[in-house]
C-alpha atoms as a PDB file:
ATOM      1  CA  MET A   1      29.590  27.926 -48.015  1.00  0.00           C
ATOM      2  CA  ARG A   2      31.721  27.399 -44.952  1.00  0.00           C
ATOM      3  CA  LEU A   3      30.651  25.265 -42.005  1.00  0.00           C
ATOM      4  CA  LYS A   4      31.441  26.852 -38.516  1.00  0.00           C
ATOM      5  CA  LYS A   5      33.084  24.705 -36.113  1.00  0.00           C
ATOM      6  CA  THR A   6      31.129  24.120 -32.883  1.00  0.00           C
ATOM      7  CA  SER A   7      33.443  24.514 -29.835  1.00  0.00           C
ATOM      8  CA  LEU A   8      34.078  21.401 -27.232  1.00  0.00           C
ATOM      9  CA  LEU A   9      32.079  23.249 -24.589  1.00  0.00           C
ATOM     10  CA  THR A  10      28.994  23.467 -27.041  1.00  0.00           C
ATOM     11  CA  LYS A  11      29.343  19.964 -27.812  1.00  0.00           C
ATOM     12  CA  LEU A  12      29.454  18.766 -24.115  1.00  0.00           C
ATOM     13  CA  LEU A  13      26.344  21.225 -23.329  1.00  0.00           C
ATOM     14  CA  LEU A  14      24.317  19.384 -25.686  1.00  0.00           C
ATOM     15  CA  LEU A  15      25.797  16.095 -24.482  1.00  0.00           C
ATOM     16  CA  VAL A  16      24.415  17.113 -20.790  1.00  0.00           C
ATOM     17  CA  VAL A  17      20.756  18.358 -22.028  1.00  0.00           C
ATOM     18  CA  ALA A  18      20.317  14.907 -24.465  1.00  0.00           C
ATOM     19  CA  VAL A  19      21.288  13.100 -21.012  1.00  0.00           C
ATOM     20  CA  TYR A  20      19.147  15.010 -18.881  1.00  0.00           C
ATOM     21  CA  ALA A  21      16.437  14.537 -21.411  1.00  0.00           C
ATOM     22  CA  VAL A  22      16.438  10.966 -21.715  1.00  0.00           C
ATOM     23  CA  VAL A  23      16.903  10.703 -18.066  1.00  0.00           C
ATOM     24  CA  THR A  24      13.831  12.519 -17.426  1.00  0.00           C
ATOM     25  CA  LEU A  25      11.778  10.779 -20.150  1.00  0.00           C
ATOM     26  CA  VAL A  26      12.487   7.273 -18.295  1.00  0.00           C
ATOM     27  CA  ASN A  27      11.515   8.627 -15.116  1.00  0.00           C
ATOM     28  CA  LEU A  28       8.242  10.154 -16.418  1.00  0.00           C
ATOM     29  CA  GLN A  29       7.422   7.200 -18.076  1.00  0.00           C
ATOM     30  CA  ASP A  30       8.051   5.020 -14.782  1.00  0.00           C
ATOM     31  CA  ARG A  31       5.542   7.570 -13.008  1.00  0.00           C
ATOM     32  CA  VAL A  32       3.193   6.936 -16.133  1.00  0.00           C
ATOM     33  CA  SER A  33       3.126   3.077 -15.596  1.00  0.00           C
ATOM     34  CA  ALA A  34       2.561   3.249 -11.925  1.00  0.00           C
ATOM     35  CA  ALA A  35      -0.193   6.173 -12.338  1.00  0.00           C
ATOM     36  CA  ASN A  36      -1.822   3.704 -14.594  1.00  0.00           C
ATOM     37  CA  ALA A  37      -1.480   0.791 -12.499  1.00  0.00           C
ATOM     38  CA  GLU A  38      -3.097   2.786  -9.677  1.00  0.00           C
ATOM     39  CA  VAL A  39      -5.912   3.841 -12.271  1.00  0.00           C
ATOM     40  CA  ALA A  40      -6.568   0.297 -12.914  1.00  0.00           C
ATOM     41  CA  ALA A  41      -6.731  -0.709  -9.191  1.00  0.00           C
ATOM     42  CA  LEU A  42      -8.969   1.947  -8.504  1.00  0.00           C
ATOM     43  CA  GLU A  43     -11.337   1.106 -11.067  1.00  0.00           C
ATOM     44  CA  GLN A  44     -11.643  -2.311  -9.914  1.00  0.00           C
ATOM     45  CA  GLN A  45     -12.256  -0.971  -6.290  1.00  0.00           C
ATOM     46  CA  VAL A  46     -15.138   1.362  -8.254  1.00  0.00           C
ATOM     47  CA  LEU A  47     -16.639  -1.741  -9.782  1.00  0.00           C
ATOM     48  CA  TYR A  48     -16.666  -3.988  -6.622  1.00  0.00           C
ATOM     49  CA  ALA A  49     -18.142  -0.960  -4.823  1.00  0.00           C
ATOM     50  CA  GLU A  50     -21.132  -0.719  -7.373  1.00  0.00           C
ATOM     51  CA  GLN A  51     -21.763  -4.611  -7.097  1.00  0.00           C
ATOM     52  CA  GLU A  52     -22.030  -4.208  -3.767  1.00  0.00           C
ATOM     53  CA  LYS A  53     -24.089  -1.481  -3.771  1.00  0.00           C
ATOM     54  CA  THR A  54     -26.465  -3.265  -6.407  1.00  0.00           C
ATOM     55  CA  LEU A  55     -26.728  -6.234  -3.535  1.00  0.00           C
ATOM     56  CA  MET A  56     -27.763  -3.905  -0.937  1.00  0.00           C
ATOM     57  CA  GLU A  57     -30.167  -2.291  -2.943  1.00  0.00           C
ATOM     58  CA  GLU A  58     -31.723  -5.577  -3.917  1.00  0.00           C
ATOM     59  CA  SER A  59     -31.666  -6.821  -0.311  1.00  0.00           C
ATOM     60  CA  LEU A  60     -33.286  -3.240   0.823  1.00  0.00           C
ATOM     61  CA  ARG A  61     -36.343  -3.727  -1.536  1.00  0.00           C
ATOM     62  CA  GLU A  62     -36.754  -7.498  -0.776  1.00  0.00           C
ATOM     63  CA  LEU A  63     -36.818  -5.928   3.275  1.00  0.00           C
ATOM     64  CA  GLY A  64     -40.487  -6.487   4.177  1.00  0.00           C
ATOM     65  CA  THR A  65     -41.755  -8.687   1.463  1.00  0.00           C
ATOM     66  CA  ASP A  66     -43.199 -12.142   2.813  1.00  0.00           C
ATOM     67  CA  LYS A  67     -40.104 -14.135   1.107  1.00  0.00           C
ATOM     68  CA  SER A  68     -37.721 -12.216   3.364  1.00  0.00           C
ATOM     69  CA  ILE A  69     -39.932 -12.354   6.578  1.00  0.00           C
ATOM     70  CA  MET A  70     -39.795 -16.049   6.163  1.00  0.00           C
ATOM     71  CA  LYS A  71     -36.105 -16.451   5.278  1.00  0.00           C
ATOM     72  CA  ILE A  72     -35.123 -14.114   8.684  1.00  0.00           C
ATOM     73  CA  ALA A  73     -37.501 -16.438  10.446  1.00  0.00           C
ATOM     74  CA  ARG A  74     -35.623 -19.335   9.421  1.00  0.00           C
ATOM     75  CA  ALA A  75     -32.393 -18.282   9.725  1.00  0.00           C
ATOM     76  CA  ARG A  76     -32.718 -16.800  13.235  1.00  0.00           C
ATOM     77  CA  LEU A  77     -35.430 -18.180  14.840  1.00  0.00           C
ATOM     78  CA  GLY A  78     -35.111 -21.727  13.419  1.00  0.00           C
ATOM     79  CA  MET A  79     -38.670 -21.971  12.315  1.00  0.00           C
ATOM     80  CA  VAL A  80     -39.948 -24.108   9.695  1.00  0.00           C
ATOM     81  CA  GLU A  81     -43.305 -24.499   7.361  1.00  0.00           C
ATOM     82  CA  ALA A  82     -46.142 -26.587   8.095  1.00  0.00           C
ATOM     83  CA  GLY A  83     -45.083 -30.201   6.425  1.00  0.00           C
ATOM     84  CA  GLU A  84     -41.483 -29.785   6.464  1.00  0.00           C
ATOM     85  CA  ILE A  85     -39.098 -32.578   7.924  1.00  0.00           C
ATOM     86  CA  VAL A  86     -36.532 -31.185  10.235  1.00  0.00           C
ATOM     87  CA  PHE A  87     -33.329 -33.465  10.311  1.00  0.00           C
ATOM     88  CA  TYR A  88     -30.861 -32.932  13.128  1.00  0.00           C
ATOM     89  CA  ASP A  89     -27.245 -33.913  12.201  1.00  0.00           C
ATOM     90  CA  ALA A  90     -25.990 -35.798  15.524  1.00  0.00           C
ATOM     91  CA  ASP A  91     -22.286 -34.762  14.901  1.00  0.00           C
ATOM     92  CA  VAL A  92     -22.621 -31.107  15.138  1.00  0.00           C
ATOM     93  CA  GLN A  93     -22.234 -29.668  18.741  1.00  0.00           C
END
């Protein structure tokens, strides 16, 4: 069996195609890595938003209860319960 000699042009063309394939694969790998990092960041944002939603739902459920009314009265109006002792800090302006 006789092997056919390939021309220089064919070898050059195969080399160019191989280099192009390697460069394209490296470029795609960089893009995939960037996309994976973006996905991780977005998953963190979703997790944070879900935790915030849960806290807001709990606050909404508690709204209107005696406990929340007392909490608002203490914070906004400065009210205290009967029998409590209030201490004032003289250094606070």
